[in-house]
Amino acid sequence: YWLLEEAKLQRMPKEQPLSRKVALVTGAGGGIGKAIAD
């Protein structure tokens, strides 16, 4: 809980909308499925 460590944490970039999510996509070897996974 060092203030310098806290400052480092506060400088971390904002998380993306789907951060912390796990997605399983069928048919993802190419085409629409791969585009969705991307």
Full PDB file with SEQRES, HELIX, SHEET, SSBOND, CRYST1, ORIGX, SCALE, CONECT and MASTER records, all heavy atoms in Angstrom:
SEQRES   1 A   38  TYR TRP LEU LEU GLU GLU ALA LYS LEU GLN ARG MET PRO          
SEQRES   2 A   38  LYS GLU GLN PRO LEU SER ARG LYS VAL ALA LEU VAL THR          
SEQRES   3 A   38  GLY ALA GLY GLY GLY ILE GLY LYS ALA ILE ALA ASP              
HELIX    1 AA1 LEU A    3  GLN A   10  1                                   8    
HELIX    2 AA2 GLY A   31  ALA A   37  1                                   7    
CRYST1    1.000    1.000    1.000  90.00  90.00  90.00 P 1           1          
ORIGX1      1.000000  0.000000  0.000000        0.00000                         
ORIGX2      0.000000  1.000000  0.000000        0.00000                         
ORIGX3      0.000000  0.000000  1.000000        0.00000                         
SCALE1      1.000000  0.000000  0.000000        0.00000                         
SCALE2      0.000000  1.000000  0.000000        0.00000                         
SCALE3      0.000000  0.000000  1.000000        0.00000                         
ATOM      1  N   TYR A   1       0.821  -1.215   0.000  1.00  0.00           N  
ATOM      2  CA  TYR A   1       0.000   0.000   0.000  1.00  0.00           C  
ATOM      3  C   TYR A   1       0.858   1.269   0.000  1.00  0.00           C  
ATOM      4  O   TYR A   1       0.422   2.321   0.458  1.00  0.00           O  
ATOM      5  CB  TYR A   1      -0.954  -0.020   1.193  1.00  0.00           C  
ATOM      6  CG  TYR A   1      -2.138  -0.919   0.947  1.00  0.00           C  
ATOM      7  CD1 TYR A   1      -2.097  -2.267   1.287  1.00  0.00           C  
ATOM      8  CD2 TYR A   1      -3.292  -0.439   0.325  1.00  0.00           C  
ATOM      9  CE1 TYR A   1      -3.180  -3.099   1.044  1.00  0.00           C  
ATOM     10  CE2 TYR A   1      -4.372  -1.262   0.077  1.00  0.00           C  
ATOM     11  CZ  TYR A   1      -4.312  -2.594   0.436  1.00  0.00           C  
ATOM     12  OH  TYR A   1      -5.397  -3.410   0.176  1.00  0.00           O  
ATOM     13  N   TRP A   2       2.068   1.157  -0.534  1.00  0.00           N  
ATOM     14  CA  TRP A   2       2.951   2.307  -0.716  1.00  0.00           C  
ATOM     15  C   TRP A   2       2.263   3.289  -1.651  1.00  0.00           C  
ATOM     16  O   TRP A   2       1.689   2.914  -2.672  1.00  0.00           O  
ATOM     17  CB  TRP A   2       4.247   1.810  -1.324  1.00  0.00           C  
ATOM     18  CG  TRP A   2       5.423   2.733  -1.244  1.00  0.00           C  
ATOM     19  CD1 TRP A   2       5.458   4.009  -0.777  1.00  0.00           C  
ATOM     20  CD2 TRP A   2       6.758   2.416  -1.643  1.00  0.00           C  
ATOM     21  NE1 TRP A   2       6.721   4.515  -0.863  1.00  0.00           N  
ATOM     22  CE2 TRP A   2       7.542   3.551  -1.390  1.00  0.00           C  
ATOM     23  CE3 TRP A   2       7.354   1.287  -2.189  1.00  0.00           C  
ATOM     24  CZ2 TRP A   2       8.906   3.600  -1.675  1.00  0.00           C  
ATOM     25  CZ3 TRP A   2       8.711   1.329  -2.468  1.00  0.00           C  
ATOM     26  CH2 TRP A   2       9.473   2.469  -2.205  1.00  0.00           C  
ATOM     27  N   LEU A   3       2.323   4.562  -1.336  1.00  0.00           N  
ATOM     28  CA  LEU A   3       1.677   5.574  -2.179  1.00  0.00           C  
ATOM     29  C   LEU A   3       2.254   5.576  -3.589  1.00  0.00           C  
ATOM     30  O   LEU A   3       1.542   5.869  -4.565  1.00  0.00           O  
ATOM     31  CB  LEU A   3       1.813   6.958  -1.540  1.00  0.00           C  
ATOM     32  CG  LEU A   3       1.001   7.166  -0.250  1.00  0.00           C  
ATOM     33  CD1 LEU A   3       1.276   8.551   0.331  1.00  0.00           C  
ATOM     34  CD2 LEU A   3      -0.489   6.985  -0.507  1.00  0.00           C  
ATOM     35  N   LEU A   4       3.547   5.245  -3.719  1.00  0.00           N  
ATOM     36  CA  LEU A   4       4.145   5.186  -5.051  1.00  0.00           C  
ATOM     37  C   LEU A   4       3.588   4.012  -5.857  1.00  0.00           C  
ATOM     38  O   LEU A   4       3.421   4.109  -7.075  1.00  0.00           O  
ATOM     39  CB  LEU A   4       5.666   5.077  -4.942  1.00  0.00           C  
ATOM     40  CG  LEU A   4       6.366   6.305  -4.342  1.00  0.00           C  
ATOM     41  CD1 LEU A   4       7.857   6.049  -4.224  1.00  0.00           C  
ATOM     42  CD2 LEU A   4       6.107   7.545  -5.192  1.00  0.00           C  
ATOM     43  N   GLU A   5       3.316   2.899  -5.183  1.00  0.00           N  
ATOM     44  CA  GLU A   5       2.684   1.777  -5.864  1.00  0.00           C  
ATOM     45  C   GLU A   5       1.261   2.143  -6.279  1.00  0.00           C  
ATOM     46  O   GLU A   5       0.799   1.801  -7.362  1.00  0.00           O  
ATOM     47  CB  GLU A   5       2.658   0.541  -4.960  1.00  0.00           C  
ATOM     48  CG  GLU A   5       3.960  -0.217  -4.883  1.00  0.00           C  
ATOM     49  CD  GLU A   5       4.356  -0.866  -6.199  1.00  0.00           C  
ATOM     50  OE1 GLU A   5       3.464  -1.211  -7.003  1.00  0.00           O  
ATOM     51  OE2 GLU A   5       5.564  -1.025  -6.431  1.00  0.00           O  
ATOM     52  N   GLU A   6       0.561   2.850  -5.403  1.00  0.00           N  
ATOM     53  CA  GLU A   6      -0.795   3.285  -5.715  1.00  0.00           C  
ATOM     54  C   GLU A   6      -0.794   4.225  -6.914  1.00  0.00           C  
ATOM     55  O   GLU A   6      -1.657   4.117  -7.807  1.00  0.00           O  
ATOM     56  CB  GLU A   6      -1.418   3.980  -4.501  1.00  0.00           C  
ATOM     57  CG  GLU A   6      -2.832   4.508  -4.732  1.00  0.00           C  
ATOM     58  CD  GLU A   6      -3.865   3.424  -4.914  1.00  0.00           C  
ATOM     59  OE1 GLU A   6      -3.564   2.248  -4.601  1.00  0.00           O  
ATOM     60  OE2 GLU A   6      -4.979   3.750  -5.373  1.00  0.00           O  
ATOM     61  N   ALA A   7       0.184   5.118  -6.963  1.00  0.00           N  
ATOM     62  CA  ALA A   7       0.281   6.042  -8.093  1.00  0.00           C  
ATOM     63  C   ALA A   7       0.521   5.272  -9.394  1.00  0.00           C  
ATOM     64  O   ALA A   7      -0.027   5.617 -10.452  1.00  0.00           O  
ATOM     65  CB  ALA A   7       1.408   7.046  -7.852  1.00  0.00           C  
ATOM     66  N   LYS A   8       1.331   4.220  -9.317  1.00  0.00           N  
ATOM     67  CA  LYS A   8       1.585   3.383 -10.495  1.00  0.00           C  
ATOM     68  C   LYS A   8       0.294   2.719 -10.965  1.00  0.00           C  
ATOM     69  O   LYS A   8       0.009   2.649 -12.163  1.00  0.00           O  
ATOM     70  CB  LYS A   8       2.639   2.328 -10.162  1.00  0.00           C  
ATOM     71  CG  LYS A   8       3.117   1.521 -11.365  1.00  0.00           C  
ATOM     72  CD  LYS A   8       4.031   0.378 -10.949  1.00  0.00           C  
ATOM     73  CE  LYS A   8       5.301   0.861 -10.311  1.00  0.00           C  
ATOM     74  NZ  LYS A   8       6.230  -0.282 -10.043  1.00  0.00           N  
ATOM     75  N   LEU A   9      -0.512   2.228 -10.021  1.00  0.00           N  
ATOM     76  CA  LEU A   9      -1.779   1.596 -10.369  1.00  0.00           C  
ATOM     77  C   LEU A   9      -2.733   2.605 -11.011  1.00  0.00           C  
ATOM     78  O   LEU A   9      -3.464   2.282 -11.946  1.00  0.00           O  
ATOM     79  CB  LEU A   9      -2.430   0.987  -9.127  1.00  0.00           C  
ATOM     80  CG  LEU A   9      -1.720  -0.220  -8.501  1.00  0.00           C  
ATOM     81  CD1 LEU A   9      -2.421  -0.622  -7.205  1.00  0.00           C  
ATOM     82  CD2 LEU A   9      -1.681  -1.399  -9.461  1.00  0.00           C  
ATOM     83  N   GLN A  10      -2.721   3.827 -10.495  1.00  0.00           N  
ATOM     84  CA  GLN A  10      -3.622   4.851 -11.026  1.00  0.00           C  
ATOM     85  C   GLN A  10      -3.233   5.276 -12.441  1.00  0.00           C  
ATOM     86  O   GLN A  10      -4.072   5.792 -13.189  1.00  0.00           O  
ATOM     87  CB  GLN A  10      -3.630   6.076 -10.101  1.00  0.00           C  
ATOM     88  CG  GLN A  10      -4.209   5.804  -8.718  1.00  0.00           C  
ATOM     89  CD  GLN A  10      -5.636   5.284  -8.760  1.00  0.00           C  
ATOM     90  OE1 GLN A  10      -6.437   5.706  -9.582  1.00  0.00           O  
ATOM     91  NE2 GLN A  10      -5.950   4.338  -7.866  1.00  0.00           N  
ATOM     92  N   ARG A  11      -1.958   5.049 -12.806  1.00  0.00           N  
ATOM     93  CA  ARG A  11      -1.501   5.407 -14.153  1.00  0.00           C  
ATOM     94  C   ARG A  11      -1.817   4.332 -15.181  1.00  0.00           C  
ATOM     95  O   ARG A  11      -1.614   4.531 -16.368  1.00  0.00           O  
ATOM     96  CB  ARG A  11       0.018   5.663 -14.150  1.00  0.00           C  
ATOM     97  CG  ARG A  11       0.459   6.911 -13.422  1.00  0.00           C  
ATOM     98  CD  ARG A  11       1.880   7.283 -13.785  1.00  0.00           C  
ATOM     99  NE  ARG A  11       2.854   6.254 -13.449  1.00  0.00           N  
ATOM    100  CZ  ARG A  11       3.505   6.184 -12.290  1.00  0.00           C  
ATOM    101  NH1 ARG A  11       3.280   7.098 -11.356  1.00  0.00           N  
ATOM    102  NH2 ARG A  11       4.382   5.222 -12.071  1.00  0.00           N  
ATOM    103  N   MET A  12      -2.316   3.196 -14.721  1.00  0.00           N  
ATOM    104  CA  MET A  12      -2.627   2.116 -15.658  1.00  0.00           C  
ATOM    105  C   MET A  12      -3.713   2.572 -16.630  1.00  0.00           C  
ATOM    106  O   MET A  12      -4.637   3.299 -16.257  1.00  0.00           O  
ATOM    107  CB  MET A  12      -3.103   0.877 -14.899  1.00  0.00           C  
ATOM    108  CG  MET A  12      -2.063   0.279 -13.967  1.00  0.00           C  
ATOM    109  SD  MET A  12      -0.695  -0.483 -14.839  1.00  0.00           S  
ATOM    110  CE  MET A  12      -1.480  -1.959 -15.458  1.00  0.00           C  
ATOM    111  N   PRO A  13      -3.610   2.173 -17.894  1.00  0.00           N  
ATOM    112  CA  PRO A  13      -4.631   2.583 -18.865  1.00  0.00           C  
ATOM    113  C   PRO A  13      -6.011   2.033 -18.516  1.00  0.00           C  
ATOM    114  O   PRO A  13      -6.132   0.987 -17.866  1.00  0.00           O  
ATOM    115  CB  PRO A  13      -4.117   1.993 -20.184  1.00  0.00           C  
ATOM    116  CG  PRO A  13      -3.182   0.902 -19.793  1.00  0.00           C  
ATOM    117  CD  PRO A  13      -2.569   1.330 -18.503  1.00  0.00           C  
ATOM    118  N   LYS A  14      -7.031   2.734 -18.949  1.00  0.00           N  
ATOM    119  CA  LYS A  14      -8.405   2.311 -18.706  1.00  0.00           C  
ATOM    120  C   LYS A  14      -8.653   0.965 -19.373  1.00  0.00           C  
ATOM    121  O   LYS A  14      -8.204   0.716 -20.491  1.00  0.00           O  
ATOM    122  CB  LYS A  14      -9.376   3.355 -19.263  1.00  0.00           C  
ATOM    123  CG  LYS A  14     -10.841   3.032 -19.022  1.00  0.00           C  
ATOM    124  CD  LYS A  14     -11.746   4.107 -19.626  1.00  0.00           C  
ATOM    125  CE  LYS A  14     -13.212   3.768 -19.433  1.00  0.00           C  
ATOM    126  NZ  LYS A  14     -14.099   4.781 -20.049  1.00  0.00           N  
ATOM    127  N   GLU A  15      -9.370   0.098 -18.683  1.00  0.00           N  
ATOM    128  CA  GLU A  15      -9.650  -1.227 -19.233  1.00  0.00           C  
ATOM    129  C   GLU A  15     -10.614  -1.128 -20.419  1.00  0.00           C  
ATOM    130  O   GLU A  15     -11.476  -0.259 -20.477  1.00  0.00           O  
ATOM    131  CB  GLU A  15     -10.223  -2.146 -18.158  1.00  0.00           C  
ATOM    132  CG  GLU A  15      -9.209  -2.494 -17.075  1.00  0.00           C  
ATOM    133  CD  GLU A  15      -9.720  -3.563 -16.124  1.00  0.00           C  
ATOM    134  OE1 GLU A  15     -10.520  -4.417 -16.562  1.00  0.00           O  
ATOM    135  OE2 GLU A  15      -9.323  -3.545 -14.950  1.00  0.00           O  
ATOM    136  N   GLN A  16     -10.454  -2.057 -21.357  1.00  0.00           N  
ATOM    137  CA  GLN A  16     -11.311  -2.089 -22.543  1.00  0.00           C  
ATOM    138  C   GLN A  16     -12.699  -2.637 -22.190  1.00  0.00           C  
ATOM    139  O   GLN A  16     -12.889  -3.263 -21.140  1.00  0.00           O  
ATOM    140  CB  GLN A  16     -10.651  -2.952 -23.618  1.00  0.00           C  
ATOM    141  CG  GLN A  16      -9.352  -2.368 -24.147  1.00  0.00           C  
ATOM    142  CD  GLN A  16      -8.665  -3.322 -25.113  1.00  0.00           C  
ATOM    143  OE1 GLN A  16      -8.008  -4.270 -24.700  1.00  0.00           O  
ATOM    144  NE2 GLN A  16      -8.827  -3.074 -26.410  1.00  0.00           N  
ATOM    145  N   PRO A  17     -13.673  -2.410 -23.063  1.00  0.00           N  
ATOM    146  CA  PRO A  17     -15.060  -2.803 -22.741  1.00  0.00           C  
ATOM    147  C   PRO A  17     -15.229  -4.272 -22.386  1.00  0.00           C  
ATOM    148  O   PRO A  17     -16.058  -4.608 -21.538  1.00  0.00           O  
ATOM    149  CB  PRO A  17     -15.823  -2.449 -24.023  1.00  0.00           C  
ATOM    150  CG  PRO A  17     -15.016  -1.376 -24.669  1.00  0.00           C  
ATOM    151  CD  PRO A  17     -13.589  -1.676 -24.339  1.00  0.00           C  
ATOM    152  N   LEU A  18     -14.464  -5.155 -23.037  1.00  0.00           N  
ATOM    153  CA  LEU A  18     -14.635  -6.588 -22.792  1.00  0.00           C  
ATOM    154  C   LEU A  18     -13.486  -7.181 -21.981  1.00  0.00           C  
ATOM    155  O   LEU A  18     -13.333  -8.415 -21.930  1.00  0.00           O  
ATOM    156  CB  LEU A  18     -14.794  -7.347 -24.115  1.00  0.00           C  
ATOM    157  CG  LEU A  18     -16.015  -6.960 -24.959  1.00  0.00           C  
ATOM    158  CD1 LEU A  18     -16.100  -7.827 -26.204  1.00  0.00           C  
ATOM    159  CD2 LEU A  18     -17.306  -7.068 -24.153  1.00  0.00           C  
ATOM    160  N   SER A  19     -12.697  -6.336 -21.329  1.00  0.00           N  
ATOM    161  CA  SER A  19     -11.682  -6.850 -20.421  1.00  0.00           C  
ATOM    162  C   SER A  19     -12.356  -7.707 -19.356  1.00  0.00           C  
ATOM    163  O   SER A  19     -13.489  -7.442 -18.962  1.00  0.00           O  
ATOM    164  CB  SER A  19     -10.940  -5.697 -19.743  1.00  0.00           C  
ATOM    165  OG  SER A  19     -10.125  -5.022 -20.664  1.00  0.00           O  
ATOM    166  N   ARG A  20     -11.659  -8.733 -18.917  1.00  0.00           N  
ATOM    167  CA  ARG A  20     -12.142  -9.664 -17.882  1.00  0.00           C  
ATOM    168  C   ARG A  20     -13.218 -10.610 -18.401  1.00  0.00           C  
ATOM    169  O   ARG A  20     -13.839 -11.329 -17.621  1.00  0.00           O  
ATOM    170  CB  ARG A  20     -12.641  -8.911 -16.640  1.00  0.00           C  
ATOM    171  CG  ARG A  20     -11.610  -7.966 -16.017  1.00  0.00           C  
ATOM    172  CD  ARG A  20     -12.228  -7.125 -14.921  1.00  0.00           C  
ATOM    173  NE  ARG A  20     -11.277  -6.190 -14.331  1.00  0.00           N  
ATOM    174  CZ  ARG A  20     -10.571  -6.411 -13.224  1.00  0.00           C  
ATOM    175  NH1 ARG A  20     -10.715  -7.555 -12.585  1.00  0.00           N  
ATOM    176  NH2 ARG A  20      -9.733  -5.509 -12.754  1.00  0.00           N  
ATOM    177  N   LYS A  21     -13.452 -10.624 -19.730  1.00  0.00           N  
ATOM    178  CA  LYS A  21     -14.449 -11.516 -20.315  1.00  0.00           C  
ATOM    179  C   LYS A  21     -13.770 -12.632 -21.109  1.00  0.00           C  
ATOM    180  O   LYS A  21     -12.709 -12.436 -21.701  1.00  0.00           O  
ATOM    181  CB  LYS A  21     -15.388 -10.755 -21.256  1.00  0.00           C  
ATOM    182  CG  LYS A  21     -16.132  -9.598 -20.615  1.00  0.00           C  
ATOM    183  CD  LYS A  21     -17.143 -10.069 -19.588  1.00  0.00           C  
ATOM    184  CE  LYS A  21     -17.978  -8.912 -19.056  1.00  0.00           C  
ATOM    185  NZ  LYS A  21     -18.901  -9.348 -17.979  1.00  0.00           N  
ATOM    186  N   VAL A  22     -14.425 -13.791 -21.138  1.00  0.00           N  
ATOM    187  CA  VAL A  22     -13.961 -14.925 -21.930  1.00  0.00           C  
ATOM    188  C   VAL A  22     -15.048 -15.259 -22.946  1.00  0.00           C  
ATOM    189  O   VAL A  22     -16.206 -15.463 -22.575  1.00  0.00           O  
ATOM    190  CB  VAL A  22     -13.684 -16.157 -21.049  1.00  0.00           C  
ATOM    191  CG1 VAL A  22     -13.157 -17.307 -21.905  1.00  0.00           C  
ATOM    192  CG2 VAL A  22     -12.698 -15.820 -19.935  1.00  0.00           C  
ATOM    193  N   ALA A  23     -14.656 -15.298 -24.226  1.00  0.00           N  
ATOM    194  CA  ALA A  23     -15.622 -15.563 -25.295  1.00  0.00           C  
ATOM    195  C   ALA A  23     -15.246 -16.835 -26.037  1.00  0.00           C  
ATOM    196  O   ALA A  23     -14.085 -17.020 -26.419  1.00  0.00           O  
ATOM    197  CB  ALA A  23     -15.666 -14.386 -26.270  1.00  0.00           C  
ATOM    198  N   LEU A  24     -16.214 -17.708 -26.249  1.00  0.00           N  
ATOM    199  CA  LEU A  24     -16.023 -18.900 -27.064  1.00  0.00           C  
ATOM    200  C   LEU A  24     -16.822 -18.724 -28.345  1.00  0.00           C  
ATOM    201  O   LEU A  24     -18.022 -18.425 -28.297  1.00  0.00           O  
ATOM    202  CB  LEU A  24     -16.470 -20.149 -26.308  1.00  0.00           C  
ATOM    203  CG  LEU A  24     -16.251 -21.487 -27.018  1.00  0.00           C  
ATOM    204  CD1 LEU A  24     -15.839 -22.576 -26.023  1.00  0.00           C  
ATOM    205  CD2 LEU A  24     -17.507 -21.939 -27.780  1.00  0.00           C  
ATOM    206  N   VAL A  25     -16.139 -18.893 -29.484  1.00  0.00           N  
ATOM    207  CA  VAL A  25     -16.764 -18.665 -30.783  1.00  0.00           C  
ATOM    208  C   VAL A  25     -16.649 -19.932 -31.614  1.00  0.00           C  
ATOM    209  O   VAL A  25     -15.543 -20.451 -31.828  1.00  0.00           O  
ATOM    210  CB  VAL A  25     -16.091 -17.492 -31.529  1.00  0.00           C  
ATOM    211  CG1 VAL A  25     -16.809 -17.225 -32.854  1.00  0.00           C  
ATOM    212  CG2 VAL A  25     -16.084 -16.233 -30.669  1.00  0.00           C  
ATOM    213  N   THR A  26     -17.780 -20.456 -32.085  1.00  0.00           N  
ATOM    214  CA  THR A  26     -17.740 -21.620 -32.971  1.00  0.00           C  
ATOM    215  C   THR A  26     -17.549 -21.143 -34.410  1.00  0.00           C  
ATOM    216  O   THR A  26     -17.864 -20.004 -34.760  1.00  0.00           O  
ATOM    217  CB  THR A  26     -19.025 -22.451 -32.865  1.00  0.00           C  
ATOM    218  OG1 THR A  26     -20.135 -21.700 -33.377  1.00  0.00           O  
ATOM    219  CG2 THR A  26     -19.291 -22.858 -31.422  1.00  0.00           C  
ATOM    220  N   GLY A  27     -17.010 -22.037 -35.231  1.00  0.00           N  
ATOM    221  CA  GLY A  27     -16.759 -21.673 -36.629  1.00  0.00           C  
ATOM    222  C   GLY A  27     -15.733 -20.577 -36.762  1.00  0.00           C  
ATOM    223  O   GLY A  27     -15.769 -19.787 -37.719  1.00  0.00           O  
ATOM    224  N   ALA A  28     -14.785 -20.517 -35.824  1.00  0.00           N  
ATOM    225  CA  ALA A  28     -13.835 -19.396 -35.771  1.00  0.00           C  
ATOM    226  C   ALA A  28     -12.565 -19.658 -36.555  1.00  0.00           C  
ATOM    227  O   ALA A  28     -11.617 -18.871 -36.476  1.00  0.00           O  
ATOM    228  CB  ALA A  28     -13.484 -19.082 -34.314  1.00  0.00           C  
ATOM    229  N   GLY A  29     -12.525 -20.739 -37.335  1.00  0.00           N  
ATOM    230  CA  GLY A  29     -11.343 -21.000 -38.145  1.00  0.00           C  
ATOM    231  C   GLY A  29     -11.218 -20.068 -39.333  1.00  0.00           C  
ATOM    232  O   GLY A  29     -10.182 -20.028 -40.001  1.00  0.00           O  
ATOM    233  N   GLY A  30     -12.251 -19.295 -39.612  1.00  0.00           N  
ATOM    234  CA  GLY A  30     -12.210 -18.356 -40.733  1.00  0.00           C  
ATOM    235  C   GLY A  30     -13.543 -17.667 -40.885  1.00  0.00           C  
ATOM    236  O   GLY A  30     -14.472 -17.877 -40.093  1.00  0.00           O  
ATOM    237  N   GLY A  31     -13.667 -16.837 -41.904  1.00  0.00           N  
ATOM    238  CA  GLY A  31     -14.927 -16.200 -42.236  1.00  0.00           C  
ATOM    239  C   GLY A  31     -15.518 -15.352 -41.126  1.00  0.00           C  
ATOM    240  O   GLY A  31     -14.804 -14.646 -40.401  1.00  0.00           O  
ATOM    241  N   ILE A  32     -16.835 -15.440 -40.963  1.00  0.00           N  
ATOM    242  CA  ILE A  32     -17.547 -14.621 -39.987  1.00  0.00           C  
ATOM    243  C   ILE A  32     -17.086 -14.938 -38.567  1.00  0.00           C  
ATOM    244  O   ILE A  32     -16.894 -14.035 -37.741  1.00  0.00           O  
ATOM    245  CB  ILE A  32     -19.069 -14.824 -40.136  1.00  0.00           C  
ATOM    246  CG1 ILE A  32     -19.561 -14.214 -41.457  1.00  0.00           C  
ATOM    247  CG2 ILE A  32     -19.821 -14.186 -38.966  1.00  0.00           C  
ATOM    248  CD1 ILE A  32     -21.016 -14.503 -41.777  1.00  0.00           C  
ATOM    249  N   GLY A  33     -16.890 -16.219 -38.245  1.00  0.00           N  
ATOM    250  CA  GLY A  33     -16.469 -16.597 -36.896  1.00  0.00           C  
ATOM    251  C   GLY A  33     -15.151 -15.976 -36.506  1.00  0.00           C  
ATOM    252  O   GLY A  33     -14.991 -15.470 -35.389  1.00  0.00           O  
ATOM    253  N   LYS A  34     -14.176 -16.006 -37.411  1.00  0.00           N  
ATOM    254  CA  LYS A  34     -12.869 -15.411 -37.111  1.00  0.00           C  
ATOM    255  C   LYS A  34     -12.993 -13.893 -36.963  1.00  0.00           C  
ATOM    256  O   LYS A  34     -12.361 -13.294 -36.077  1.00  0.00           O  
ATOM    257  CB  LYS A  34     -11.872 -15.742 -38.231  1.00  0.00           C  
ATOM    258  CG  LYS A  34     -10.475 -15.121 -38.053  1.00  0.00           C  
ATOM    259  CD  LYS A  34      -9.788 -15.586 -36.777  1.00  0.00           C  
ATOM    260  CE  LYS A  34      -8.292 -15.316 -36.768  1.00  0.00           C  
ATOM    261  NZ  LYS A  34      -7.895 -13.933 -36.878  1.00  0.00           N  
ATOM    262  N   ALA A  35     -13.809 -13.262 -37.796  1.00  0.00           N  
ATOM    263  CA  ALA A  35     -14.010 -11.813 -37.687  1.00  0.00           C  
ATOM    264  C   ALA A  35     -14.619 -11.455 -36.333  1.00  0.00           C  
ATOM    265  O   ALA A  35     -14.244 -10.451 -35.712  1.00  0.00           O  
ATOM    266  CB  ALA A  35     -14.900 -11.312 -38.820  1.00  0.00           C  
ATOM    267  N   ILE A  36     -15.543 -12.274 -35.862  1.00  0.00           N  
ATOM    268  CA  ILE A  36     -16.159 -12.034 -34.547  1.00  0.00           C  
ATOM    269  C   ILE A  36     -15.119 -12.186 -33.446  1.00  0.00           C  
ATOM    270  O   ILE A  36     -15.019 -11.339 -32.542  1.00  0.00           O  
ATOM    271  CB  ILE A  36     -17.333 -13.010 -34.323  1.00  0.00           C  
ATOM    272  CG1 ILE A  36     -18.486 -12.671 -35.271  1.00  0.00           C  
ATOM    273  CG2 ILE A  36     -17.807 -12.961 -32.872  1.00  0.00           C  
ATOM    274  CD1 ILE A  36     -19.569 -13.734 -35.324  1.00  0.00           C  
ATOM    275  N   ALA A  37     -14.324 -13.257 -33.511  1.00  0.00           N  
ATOM    276  CA  ALA A  37     -13.273 -13.458 -32.501  1.00  0.00           C  
ATOM    277  C   ALA A  37     -12.286 -12.300 -32.512  1.00  0.00           C  
ATOM    278  O   ALA A  37     -11.862 -11.812 -31.451  1.00  0.00           O  
ATOM    279  CB  ALA A  37     -12.556 -14.779 -32.757  1.00  0.00           C  
ATOM    280  N   ASP A  38     -11.923 -11.835 -33.696  1.00  0.00           N  
ATOM    281  CA  ASP A  38     -10.993 -10.697 -33.811  1.00  0.00           C  
ATOM    282  C   ASP A  38     -11.556  -9.457 -33.134  1.00  0.00           C  
ATOM    283  O   ASP A  38     -10.853  -8.741 -32.411  1.00  0.00           O  
ATOM    284  CB  ASP A  38     -10.707 -10.379 -35.281  1.00  0.00           C  
ATOM    285  CG  ASP A  38      -9.800 -11.399 -35.951  1.00  0.00           C  
ATOM    286  OD1 ASP A  38      -9.191 -12.220 -35.231  1.00  0.00           O  
ATOM    287  OD2 ASP A  38      -9.698 -11.367 -37.192  1.00  0.00           O  
TER     288      ASP A  38                                                      
MASTER        0    0    0    2    0    0    0    6  287    1    0    3          
END                                                                             
